[in-house]
Amino acid sequence: MASPTDEALERAYRSSFGRLVGSLFRSNGDLQLSEDAVASAFTSAVSAWRAGGIPEAPEAWLRVVARNHALTALRKRSRTNTVAPEVMDGLPAEAETDDGSDVDERLALLMVCAHPAIDPRMHAPLMLQAVLGVDAARIASVYLVPASTMGQRLSRSKAKIRDAGLRYRVPDREELHGRLQAVLQAVYGAYGLADPIADAEEDRDVALRAEAIRLVEVITDVLPDEPEPWGLLALLRHTESRRPGRFVDGEFVPLPAQDTRLWSPALRVSADDALRRAAGLGGVGRFQIEAAISAVHSARADRGTTDHGALVTLYRGLLRVAPSTGATIGAAAAFLAADDVDGAVRTLGSIPSDQVATHQPYWVCRAQIDRRRGDDGAAREAAERAIGLTADSAVRRYLIAEWLRG
């Protein structure tokens, strides 16, 4: 069990990292230096807080220490004439109030990371690291590349931000719209990193999920007439509403078998409200469709059954608007649930084999399809592959019980 100090450090990291980085970056224009200074402040906090106790204002303590680390780094650079003295003078000396007024500071940092001058493939990883403090190894695991490769890509992108002197500001509305999709993708990615099927009891990533949802809420405030932020907000709220049903007594429960009485009615209502808001604004995008899919699943709490036909229709739309491996697997599962086995086979078979060799959801879906087709040997082989790729112990226990026992 974590100590109170370690818990305080974890809370501070989740809630304050982006604010601290944004505050420093606003003054020095060097994203890597700002991140390093904040990381050093947290390293200092580990020993200082354990020895002397948790400070009364943790974020203020971290802000001062991070500023001092940044000043030290900038002074070293100034000796080689790479940094003007006035840059050091401009570093914030006092803690800002924690009244929510600085949320747009993080939004502005998101927009810097989504600048058109940056490789679009790096927008989301940059945002995940700079604003939400996700480390390169976790980001690399999501993007299926080695951690060293992702680290190099992040470093190059940050150097480009620094060398190009990209301005730290919230762009005007027209420019903001152009970067919106990249920002939403990044926030969704952050939520996904904090939404593992594991850690149900400790729920260590609850702060990161809350932060991701809060950032979406900020974007809906900034762009209330854009439908996709409302769609993403609906999707995340629906996902959160069903969280209490995912584990019972420490055991994983798949979505179709979950007890809907455990789901949060208030979150489902707020999610549906956000989805209606999105629908009223016109246009159809990825997050609206994914939210609608999630809403169909959540509606089982009221209707008692799942409308599998609606899911098939929605997945077809999703594959037209935003095709992806995940969407294709979801569509195949929807076909199977609607008793269209041939459609499930065709859909899953459309994914290139090199994209799914180590993709656990693919092998779970394939096992389900093979079982429905009556090929028990192939189903067991696919299930064993899925089990071997499953990191979470509770999910592995469920899969073993479902496929390898009895």
Protein backbone atom coordinates (compact mmCIF):
# COMPACT_ATOMS: atom_id res chain seq x y z
CA MET A 1 0.00 0.00 0.00
CA ALA A 2 1.36 3.43 -0.95
CA SER A 3 2.29 5.85 1.81
CA PRO A 4 0.43 9.18 2.20
CA THR A 5 3.50 10.95 0.82
CA ASP A 6 3.62 8.76 -2.27
CA GLU A 7 -0.10 9.26 -2.80
CA ALA A 8 0.36 13.02 -2.50
CA LEU A 9 3.18 12.89 -5.06
CA GLU A 10 1.00 10.88 -7.43
CA ARG A 11 -1.90 13.33 -7.07
CA ALA A 12 0.38 16.29 -7.60
CA TYR A 13 1.92 14.72 -10.68
CA ARG A 14 -1.44 14.00 -12.27
CA SER A 15 -3.00 17.34 -11.43
CA SER A 16 -0.06 19.74 -11.71
CA PHE A 17 2.39 18.48 -14.31
CA GLY A 18 0.84 20.29 -17.27
CA ARG A 19 0.34 23.52 -15.39
CA LEU A 20 3.95 23.55 -14.24
CA VAL A 21 5.34 22.77 -17.68
CA GLY A 22 3.08 25.35 -19.28
CA SER A 23 4.10 28.04 -16.83
CA LEU A 24 7.81 27.52 -17.51
CA PHE A 25 7.40 27.08 -21.25
CA ARG A 26 5.47 30.30 -21.50
CA SER A 27 8.57 32.14 -20.30
CA ASN A 28 11.47 30.24 -21.83
CA GLY A 29 10.04 28.73 -25.02
CA ASP A 30 11.90 25.46 -24.51
CA LEU A 31 9.53 22.56 -23.99
CA GLN A 32 12.21 19.98 -23.20
CA LEU A 33 13.90 22.23 -20.65
CA SER A 34 10.54 22.94 -19.02
CA GLU A 35 9.65 19.27 -18.80
CA ASP A 36 13.08 18.40 -17.43
CA ALA A 37 12.82 21.10 -14.78
CA VAL A 38 9.41 19.89 -13.67
CA ALA A 39 10.60 16.28 -13.63
CA SER A 40 13.57 17.34 -11.48
CA ALA A 41 11.21 19.12 -9.11
CA PHE A 42 9.25 15.93 -8.61
CA THR A 43 12.47 14.01 -8.06
CA SER A 44 13.44 16.52 -5.37
CA ALA A 45 10.00 16.22 -3.84
CA VAL A 46 10.34 12.47 -3.32
CA SER A 47 13.15 12.86 -0.78
CA ALA A 48 12.11 16.23 0.61
CA TRP A 49 8.49 15.31 1.27
CA ARG A 50 9.36 11.93 2.74
CA ALA A 51 11.85 13.56 5.09
CA GLY A 52 10.02 16.76 5.96
CA GLY A 53 6.39 16.01 5.25
CA ILE A 54 3.98 17.07 2.56
CA PRO A 55 3.99 20.86 2.09
CA GLU A 56 0.83 22.81 2.75
CA ALA A 57 0.67 23.89 -0.92
CA PRO A 58 2.27 21.07 -2.96
CA GLU A 59 1.91 22.73 -6.36
CA ALA A 60 3.40 25.99 -5.13
CA TRP A 61 6.35 24.07 -3.67
CA LEU A 62 6.88 22.25 -6.95
CA ARG A 63 6.57 25.45 -8.97
CA VAL A 64 9.33 27.16 -7.02
CA VAL A 65 11.66 24.16 -7.23
CA ALA A 66 10.95 23.67 -10.94
CA ARG A 67 11.70 27.34 -11.57
CA ASN A 68 15.03 27.00 -9.76
CA HIS A 69 15.97 23.96 -11.84
CA ALA A 70 15.05 25.86 -15.00
CA LEU A 71 17.11 28.85 -13.92
CA THR A 72 20.13 26.62 -13.32
CA ALA A 73 19.81 25.08 -16.77
CA LEU A 74 19.35 28.46 -18.45
CA ARG A 75 22.37 29.94 -16.66
CA LYS A 76 24.49 27.08 -17.97
CA ARG A 77 23.29 27.86 -21.46
CA SER A 78 23.87 31.56 -21.03
CA ARG A 79 27.58 30.90 -20.52
CA THR A 80 27.70 29.77 -24.14
CA ASN A 81 25.48 32.67 -25.26
CA THR A 82 22.58 30.43 -26.21
CA VAL A 83 20.08 32.10 -23.89
CA ALA A 84 19.45 35.78 -23.38
CA PRO A 85 19.54 36.92 -19.72
CA GLU A 86 16.07 38.41 -19.99
CA VAL A 87 14.66 34.95 -20.56
CA MET A 88 15.77 33.95 -17.09
CA ASP A 89 14.31 37.12 -15.64
CA GLY A 90 10.97 36.30 -17.18
CA LEU A 91 10.52 33.01 -15.37
CA PRO A 92 7.52 33.10 -13.02
CA ALA A 93 8.66 33.60 -9.44
CA GLU A 94 5.42 32.97 -7.58
CA ALA A 95 2.82 30.27 -7.60
CA GLU A 96 -0.33 31.00 -9.54
CA THR A 97 -3.68 30.59 -7.88
CA ASP A 98 -5.25 27.19 -8.27
CA ASP A 99 -8.73 28.48 -9.07
CA GLY A 100 -9.11 26.92 -12.51
CA SER A 101 -8.19 30.13 -14.33
CA ASP A 102 -5.02 28.54 -15.69
CA VAL A 103 -6.76 25.68 -17.48
CA ASP A 104 -6.49 27.55 -20.79
CA GLU A 105 -2.74 27.68 -20.22
CA ARG A 106 -2.69 23.94 -20.68
CA LEU A 107 -4.99 24.23 -23.66
CA ALA A 108 -2.53 26.68 -25.19
CA LEU A 109 0.24 24.17 -24.58
CA LEU A 110 -1.85 21.55 -26.37
CA MET A 111 -2.12 23.88 -29.32
CA VAL A 112 1.64 24.42 -29.44
CA CYS A 113 2.09 20.68 -29.61
CA ALA A 114 -0.42 20.54 -32.48
CA HIS A 115 1.29 23.30 -34.46
CA PRO A 116 1.27 22.66 -38.24
CA ALA A 117 5.06 22.91 -38.29
CA ILE A 118 5.26 19.74 -36.19
CA ASP A 119 5.01 16.31 -37.81
CA PRO A 120 1.30 15.42 -37.41
CA ARG A 121 2.26 11.93 -36.25
CA MET A 122 3.88 13.54 -33.22
CA HIS A 123 1.04 15.83 -32.17
CA ALA A 124 -0.62 13.35 -29.87
CA PRO A 125 2.58 11.95 -28.30
CA LEU A 126 3.80 15.48 -27.59
CA MET A 127 0.54 16.44 -25.92
CA LEU A 128 0.45 13.29 -23.88
CA GLN A 129 3.92 13.93 -22.53
CA ALA A 130 4.00 17.72 -22.19
CA VAL A 131 0.53 18.34 -20.82
CA LEU A 132 -0.33 15.14 -19.00
CA GLY A 133 3.12 13.86 -18.06
CA VAL A 134 2.88 10.46 -19.73
CA ASP A 135 6.35 8.98 -20.10
CA ALA A 136 7.84 7.98 -23.44
CA ALA A 137 7.73 4.26 -22.65
CA ARG A 138 3.97 4.28 -22.09
CA ILE A 139 3.41 6.37 -25.20
CA ALA A 140 5.62 4.01 -27.19
CA SER A 141 3.58 1.02 -26.01
CA VAL A 142 0.42 2.61 -27.38
CA TYR A 143 2.02 3.40 -30.72
CA LEU A 144 3.74 0.01 -30.93
CA VAL A 145 7.28 1.35 -31.34
CA PRO A 146 10.38 0.91 -29.17
CA ALA A 147 10.67 3.35 -26.27
CA SER A 148 14.01 4.61 -27.57
CA THR A 149 12.47 5.41 -30.95
CA MET A 150 9.61 7.33 -29.39
CA GLY A 151 12.04 9.19 -27.13
CA GLN A 152 14.10 10.31 -30.12
CA ARG A 153 11.02 11.44 -32.01
CA LEU A 154 9.77 13.44 -29.04
CA SER A 155 13.17 15.09 -28.59
CA ARG A 156 13.35 16.10 -32.24
CA SER A 157 9.86 17.59 -32.13
CA LYS A 158 10.63 19.59 -28.99
CA ALA A 159 13.82 20.88 -30.56
CA LYS A 160 11.81 22.07 -33.53
CA ILE A 161 9.39 23.91 -31.24
CA ARG A 162 12.32 25.62 -29.52
CA ASP A 163 14.33 26.43 -32.64
CA ALA A 164 11.33 27.69 -34.60
CA GLY A 165 10.27 29.90 -31.71
CA LEU A 166 6.68 28.65 -31.89
CA ARG A 167 4.52 31.03 -29.93
CA TYR A 168 2.87 30.03 -26.71
CA ARG A 169 -0.72 31.17 -26.98
CA VAL A 170 -4.25 29.97 -27.54
CA PRO A 171 -4.74 30.34 -31.31
CA ASP A 172 -7.63 32.31 -32.74
CA ARG A 173 -10.82 30.40 -33.50
CA GLU A 174 -10.03 29.67 -37.14
CA GLU A 175 -6.58 28.31 -36.32
CA LEU A 176 -7.96 26.44 -33.34
CA HIS A 177 -10.41 24.57 -35.52
CA GLY A 178 -7.57 23.42 -37.74
CA ARG A 179 -5.76 21.80 -34.81
CA LEU A 180 -8.84 20.50 -33.05
CA GLN A 181 -8.73 16.93 -34.32
CA ALA A 182 -5.12 16.49 -33.24
CA VAL A 183 -5.95 17.84 -29.79
CA LEU A 184 -8.96 15.56 -29.40
CA GLN A 185 -6.93 12.56 -30.51
CA ALA A 186 -4.31 13.37 -27.88
CA VAL A 187 -6.82 13.78 -25.08
CA TYR A 188 -8.53 10.54 -26.09
CA GLY A 189 -5.16 8.84 -26.11
CA ALA A 190 -4.47 10.10 -22.60
CA TYR A 191 -7.78 8.74 -21.39
CA GLY A 192 -7.03 5.43 -23.06
CA LEU A 193 -3.70 5.17 -21.27
CA ALA A 194 -5.50 5.75 -17.99
CA ASP A 195 -8.29 3.35 -18.87
CA PRO A 196 -6.58 -0.03 -18.68
CA ILE A 197 -8.71 -3.03 -18.05
CA ALA A 198 -6.40 -3.50 -15.05
CA ASP A 199 -5.98 -1.67 -11.74
CA ALA A 200 -9.70 -1.74 -11.00
CA GLU A 201 -9.16 -1.88 -7.27
CA GLU A 202 -6.31 0.58 -6.90
CA ASP A 203 -7.52 2.80 -9.76
CA ARG A 204 -4.21 4.66 -9.79
CA ASP A 205 -5.03 6.43 -13.03
CA VAL A 206 -8.30 8.01 -11.95
CA ALA A 207 -6.67 11.46 -11.86
CA LEU A 208 -5.40 11.13 -15.42
CA ARG A 209 -8.83 10.09 -16.66
CA ALA A 210 -10.40 12.99 -14.79
CA GLU A 211 -7.83 15.35 -16.29
CA ALA A 212 -8.57 14.08 -19.80
CA ILE A 213 -12.29 14.61 -19.29
CA ARG A 214 -11.65 18.05 -17.82
CA LEU A 215 -9.62 19.02 -20.87
CA VAL A 216 -12.47 17.94 -23.13
CA GLU A 217 -14.84 20.06 -21.06
CA VAL A 218 -12.49 23.01 -21.51
CA ILE A 219 -12.51 22.48 -25.27
CA THR A 220 -16.32 22.43 -25.33
CA ASP A 221 -16.24 25.75 -23.49
CA VAL A 222 -13.77 27.23 -25.99
CA LEU A 223 -15.56 25.78 -29.03
CA PRO A 224 -19.19 25.26 -28.00
CA ASP A 225 -20.37 25.06 -31.62
CA GLU A 226 -18.00 22.24 -32.63
CA PRO A 227 -19.71 18.83 -32.50
CA GLU A 228 -16.68 16.55 -32.13
CA PRO A 229 -15.60 17.77 -28.66
CA TRP A 230 -19.14 17.11 -27.46
CA GLY A 231 -18.96 13.68 -29.07
CA LEU A 232 -15.71 12.89 -27.27
CA LEU A 233 -17.15 14.13 -23.99
CA ALA A 234 -20.16 11.84 -24.48
CA LEU A 235 -17.89 8.89 -25.26
CA LEU A 236 -15.73 9.36 -22.17
CA ARG A 237 -18.69 9.87 -19.87
CA HIS A 238 -20.42 6.75 -21.17
CA THR A 239 -17.23 4.78 -20.65
CA GLU A 240 -16.88 6.11 -17.11
CA SER A 241 -20.53 5.34 -16.34
CA ARG A 242 -19.97 1.61 -16.90
CA ARG A 243 -16.70 1.38 -15.00
CA PRO A 244 -18.22 0.05 -11.74
CA GLY A 245 -19.47 -3.03 -13.59
CA ARG A 246 -16.15 -4.04 -15.12
CA PHE A 247 -14.90 -5.90 -12.07
CA VAL A 248 -16.87 -7.74 -9.41
CA ASP A 249 -15.00 -9.10 -6.40
CA GLY A 250 -11.76 -8.54 -8.29
CA GLU A 251 -12.84 -10.53 -11.32
CA PHE A 252 -13.22 -9.12 -14.82
CA VAL A 253 -16.72 -9.03 -16.30
CA PRO A 254 -17.09 -8.48 -20.09
CA LEU A 255 -19.46 -5.74 -21.20
CA PRO A 256 -22.38 -7.97 -22.33
CA ALA A 257 -22.39 -9.75 -18.96
CA GLN A 258 -22.11 -6.70 -16.72
CA ASP A 259 -24.81 -5.94 -14.16
CA THR A 260 -26.29 -2.67 -15.41
CA ARG A 261 -27.45 -1.82 -11.90
CA LEU A 262 -23.82 -1.05 -11.12
CA TRP A 263 -23.57 1.57 -13.85
CA SER A 264 -23.88 5.26 -13.01
CA PRO A 265 -27.26 6.67 -14.15
CA ALA A 266 -26.09 10.28 -13.67
CA LEU A 267 -23.06 9.83 -15.93
CA ARG A 268 -25.17 8.07 -18.56
CA VAL A 269 -27.63 10.95 -18.58
CA SER A 270 -24.88 13.55 -18.88
CA ALA A 271 -23.26 11.52 -21.66
CA ASP A 272 -26.52 11.35 -23.60
CA ASP A 273 -26.97 15.10 -23.12
CA ALA A 274 -23.53 15.75 -24.62
CA LEU A 275 -24.27 13.42 -27.54
CA ARG A 276 -27.56 15.22 -28.27
CA ARG A 277 -25.67 18.51 -28.16
CA ALA A 278 -23.21 17.14 -30.73
CA ALA A 279 -26.00 15.86 -32.98
CA GLY A 280 -27.69 19.25 -32.93
CA LEU A 281 -24.59 20.97 -34.27
CA GLY A 282 -24.51 19.08 -37.58
CA GLY A 283 -21.79 17.03 -39.20
CA VAL A 284 -20.70 13.51 -38.35
CA GLY A 285 -17.27 12.64 -37.00
CA ARG A 286 -15.40 9.77 -35.45
CA PHE A 287 -16.03 10.64 -31.83
CA GLN A 288 -19.74 11.21 -32.34
CA ILE A 289 -20.09 7.77 -33.91
CA GLU A 290 -18.01 6.10 -31.21
CA ALA A 291 -20.13 7.87 -28.60
CA ALA A 292 -23.29 6.63 -30.30
CA ILE A 293 -21.90 3.07 -30.22
CA SER A 294 -21.15 3.46 -26.53
CA ALA A 295 -24.64 4.89 -25.96
CA VAL A 296 -26.23 1.80 -27.54
CA HIS A 297 -24.35 -0.39 -25.08
CA SER A 298 -25.31 1.86 -22.16
CA ALA A 299 -28.96 1.83 -23.21
CA ARG A 300 -29.16 -1.81 -22.07
CA ALA A 301 -29.54 -0.40 -18.56
CA ASP A 302 -32.93 1.01 -19.58
CA ARG A 303 -34.08 -1.39 -22.29
CA GLY A 304 -32.79 -4.66 -20.96
CA THR A 305 -31.36 -5.65 -24.36
CA THR A 306 -28.71 -4.39 -26.77
CA ASP A 307 -29.71 -3.24 -30.27
CA HIS A 308 -27.13 -5.21 -32.25
CA GLY A 309 -28.53 -4.02 -35.56
CA ALA A 310 -27.88 -0.43 -34.55
CA LEU A 311 -24.33 -1.34 -33.59
CA VAL A 312 -23.68 -2.88 -37.02
CA THR A 313 -25.00 0.26 -38.73
CA LEU A 314 -22.89 2.54 -36.55
CA TYR A 315 -19.73 0.51 -37.06
CA ARG A 316 -20.24 0.61 -40.81
CA GLY A 317 -20.39 4.38 -40.53
CA LEU A 318 -17.31 4.46 -38.34
CA LEU A 319 -15.33 2.41 -40.87
CA ARG A 320 -16.26 4.93 -43.56
CA VAL A 321 -15.40 8.00 -41.48
CA ALA A 322 -12.41 6.76 -39.47
CA PRO A 323 -11.20 3.28 -40.46
CA SER A 324 -8.79 1.66 -38.02
CA THR A 325 -7.78 -1.74 -36.72
CA GLY A 326 -9.76 -1.21 -33.54
CA ALA A 327 -12.88 -0.13 -35.42
CA THR A 328 -12.61 -3.13 -37.72
CA ILE A 329 -12.37 -5.56 -34.79
CA GLY A 330 -15.31 -3.82 -33.14
CA ALA A 331 -17.32 -4.11 -36.35
CA ALA A 332 -16.52 -7.82 -36.63
CA ALA A 333 -17.71 -8.35 -33.05
CA ALA A 334 -20.90 -6.42 -33.83
CA PHE A 335 -21.60 -8.61 -36.87
CA LEU A 336 -21.07 -11.70 -34.74
CA ALA A 337 -23.41 -10.46 -32.01
CA ALA A 338 -26.02 -9.80 -34.71
CA ASP A 339 -25.65 -13.43 -35.87
CA ASP A 340 -23.98 -12.47 -39.14
CA VAL A 341 -21.04 -14.84 -38.90
CA ASP A 342 -20.05 -14.42 -42.55
CA GLY A 343 -19.96 -10.65 -42.11
CA ALA A 344 -17.78 -11.07 -39.03
CA VAL A 345 -15.39 -13.36 -40.93
CA ARG A 346 -15.11 -10.96 -43.88
CA THR A 347 -14.61 -7.95 -41.66
CA LEU A 348 -11.96 -9.46 -39.44
CA GLY A 349 -10.23 -10.99 -42.46
CA SER A 350 -9.80 -7.55 -44.01
CA ILE A 351 -7.10 -6.64 -41.48
CA PRO A 352 -3.54 -7.30 -42.71
CA SER A 353 -2.01 -10.07 -40.62
CA ASP A 354 1.14 -8.07 -39.86
CA GLN A 355 -0.96 -5.49 -38.00
CA VAL A 356 -2.50 -7.92 -35.53
CA ALA A 357 0.18 -10.51 -34.77
CA THR A 358 0.51 -9.17 -31.23
CA HIS A 359 -2.86 -7.41 -30.91
CA GLN A 360 -4.79 -9.15 -28.13
CA PRO A 361 -8.33 -7.93 -29.03
CA TYR A 362 -7.96 -9.39 -32.52
CA TRP A 363 -7.24 -12.87 -31.18
CA VAL A 364 -10.12 -12.70 -28.71
CA CYS A 365 -12.48 -11.79 -31.55
CA ARG A 366 -11.03 -14.45 -33.80
CA ALA A 367 -11.51 -17.09 -31.11
CA GLN A 368 -15.15 -16.06 -30.74
CA ILE A 369 -15.72 -16.26 -34.49
CA ASP A 370 -14.00 -19.65 -34.83
CA ARG A 371 -16.09 -21.01 -31.96
CA ARG A 372 -19.29 -19.82 -33.65
CA ARG A 373 -18.18 -21.48 -36.87
CA GLY A 374 -17.73 -24.74 -35.01
CA ASP A 375 -13.95 -24.89 -35.38
CA ASP A 376 -13.08 -25.58 -31.75
CA GLY A 377 -9.42 -26.31 -32.51
CA ALA A 378 -8.87 -22.96 -34.22
CA ALA A 379 -10.84 -21.21 -31.49
CA ARG A 380 -8.69 -22.71 -28.76
CA GLU A 381 -5.50 -21.82 -30.65
CA ALA A 382 -6.63 -18.21 -31.07
CA ALA A 383 -7.68 -18.05 -27.41
CA GLU A 384 -4.29 -19.33 -26.29
CA ARG A 385 -2.68 -16.62 -28.41
CA ALA A 386 -4.91 -13.99 -26.79
CA ILE A 387 -4.14 -15.28 -23.29
CA GLY A 388 -0.43 -15.11 -24.01
CA LEU A 389 -0.82 -11.47 -25.04
CA THR A 390 -2.89 -10.49 -21.99
CA ALA A 391 -0.98 -8.49 -19.40
CA ASP A 392 -3.71 -8.08 -16.78
CA SER A 393 -4.09 -11.02 -14.40
CA ALA A 394 -7.85 -10.64 -13.93
CA VAL A 395 -8.51 -10.62 -17.65
CA ARG A 396 -6.17 -13.59 -18.10
CA ARG A 397 -8.10 -15.53 -15.44
CA TYR A 398 -11.34 -14.76 -17.22
CA LEU A 399 -10.01 -15.89 -20.60
CA ILE A 400 -8.56 -19.09 -19.16
CA ALA A 401 -11.87 -19.91 -17.48
CA GLU A 402 -13.78 -19.11 -20.67
CA TRP A 403 -11.61 -20.97 -23.11
CA LEU A 404 -9.27 -23.48 -21.50
CA ARG A 405 -11.19 -25.06 -18.63
CA GLY A 406 -13.93 -27.60 -18.71
